[in-house]
Amino acid sequence: MTKGTPSMGKMVKKTHIRCRRCGRRSYHVQKKRCASCGFGETARMRGYNWNKRTHD
């Protein structure tokens, strides 16, 4: 029942792998969804208005 350093050695599982659509290492293996482009959940590219660049 050790919670410190020995437990940290077991945290070597991959959570994200390379996405087939955007190519970034953002595809979550268990959720089956890309955190960057949204692949796996929707046909549209993931994007938000707060992330859009404005040209002045």
Protein backbone atom coordinates (compact mmCIF):
# COMPACT_ATOMS: atom_id res chain seq x y z
CA MET A 1 0.00 0.00 0.00
CA THR A 2 2.73 2.40 -0.99
CA LYS A 3 1.54 5.55 -2.69
CA GLY A 4 4.80 7.29 -3.48
CA THR A 5 7.67 6.70 -5.85
CA PRO A 6 7.20 2.93 -6.44
CA SER A 7 3.71 3.57 -7.76
CA MET A 8 5.03 6.05 -10.32
CA GLY A 9 6.82 3.23 -12.13
CA LYS A 10 3.50 1.68 -13.10
CA MET A 11 2.32 4.79 -14.95
CA VAL A 12 3.81 3.89 -18.31
CA LYS A 13 0.60 3.25 -20.23
CA LYS A 14 0.02 5.22 -23.42
CA THR A 15 -3.02 7.46 -23.23
CA HIS A 16 -2.55 9.24 -26.56
CA ILE A 17 -1.30 7.92 -29.88
CA ARG A 18 -0.87 9.57 -33.29
CA CYS A 19 -4.13 10.65 -34.91
CA ARG A 20 -4.93 9.33 -38.39
CA ARG A 21 -6.56 12.59 -39.49
CA CYS A 22 -4.43 15.42 -38.10
CA GLY A 23 -1.21 13.52 -37.43
CA ARG A 24 -0.76 14.93 -33.93
CA ARG A 25 -0.19 12.72 -30.88
CA SER A 26 -3.62 13.57 -29.51
CA TYR A 27 -5.79 10.51 -30.17
CA HIS A 28 -7.00 9.10 -26.86
CA VAL A 29 -6.87 5.32 -26.96
CA GLN A 30 -9.61 4.63 -24.41
CA LYS A 31 -11.95 7.46 -25.41
CA LYS A 32 -11.33 6.80 -29.14
CA ARG A 33 -11.29 10.52 -29.81
CA CYS A 34 -8.65 13.00 -30.91
CA ALA A 35 -8.21 15.92 -28.52
CA SER A 36 -6.88 18.12 -31.31
CA CYS A 37 -9.16 17.62 -34.31
CA GLY A 38 -12.10 15.65 -32.86
CA PHE A 39 -11.59 12.58 -35.06
CA GLY A 40 -13.60 9.58 -33.92
CA GLU A 41 -16.51 11.56 -32.57
CA THR A 42 -17.57 13.88 -35.37
CA ALA A 43 -17.04 14.33 -39.09
CA ARG A 44 -16.19 18.00 -38.60
CA MET A 45 -12.84 19.37 -37.58
CA ARG A 46 -12.85 20.41 -33.94
CA GLY A 47 -12.59 24.16 -33.50
CA TYR A 48 -13.88 26.93 -31.30
CA ASN A 49 -14.48 30.64 -31.81
CA TRP A 50 -12.13 31.52 -28.97
CA ASN A 51 -9.39 29.72 -30.89
CA LYS A 52 -9.98 31.47 -34.22
CA ARG A 53 -7.33 33.94 -35.27
CA THR A 54 -8.46 37.47 -36.12
CA HIS A 55 -6.69 39.52 -38.76
CA ASP A 56 -6.71 43.27 -38.09
